[in-house]
Amino acid sequence: MHFTSEPETSADGVTQRRFTLDGVPGVLWQPDGPPLDGRPLVLLGHGGGQHKLGPGLVDRARRCVRRHGYAAVALDAPGHGERPRTAQDERFATEIGQLLAAGRPISAWVARHTAALAERAVPEWVAVLDALAERGEGLGPVGYWGLSLGSVIGIPLAAAEPRVAAAVFGLTGHASQTEAAGLVGVPVEFLLQWDDELVPREGALALFGALGSREKTLHANPGGHLDVPELELASSEGFLARHLDAVR
């Protein structure tokens, strides 16, 4: 893990550092002062067409640090942010915008493309956890938060990575995700938008049902794909805090 910037500490005591790991750019947030030192870590997965420093994601990272004393990390997903884009990545970004504008669900091609992105991204997240653990600072309990593309990546990650202790998913639901969902055993809070243009309600409900977690909660609200209410973001923050503090 190579840090590419000096620590940037804001007035509220949150330190932000950019890094790269095997060519994958990311950002680490933590309280100013001591290193990770066994504190909980929240992995943040961004949505399709977004990136590791999107305003909403940065706000969630800073809240994790400021309110709970956690660390947080985000990566650019393949084909996003500072990473190279293929012609298919460009098509994906264009098609997502067109589908949202037209109020139509994701196409079979988009589902296949996001599944391929997840296959690449899961080992990258595992490598980040390994690299942080190898720094000798003590890696504490790990949580995951990610909606839409963040869930497409997060579900197989939680299924494969035993260090993930709790997860927030949502805004997704394709049959191709069912097998990985069945292997998820950690507590999950799942967010669903009742009028989601991209993700048919039936698919999201089926994916929630397929999750293998004994403890899972469905939070459904009216509105479209981009209309997740602030109260749900606060709820998911509290959900992760309860579970990460319990195993701290």
Foldseek 3Di string as FASTA:
>chain_A
DAWPDDWDADPLQKTKTWGDDPRWIKIKIFGPDAPQQQFEEEEEEEAQQAARVDPVNVVLQVCCCRVPRHMYMYIGQACYDPHDHDPVSVVLNVVVVVLVVVLAADDPSNVVVLLVSLVVVLVVVVVVVVVSVVVVNHHHQYEYEYEHSSQSNVLLNQLVPPSHAEYEYEPDFDPVSLVSQLSHAHEYEYEYACSESHHHPVRRVVSQVSHNYPHYHYDYDYDYSPPDDPVVVVVVSVVVSVRRVVRD
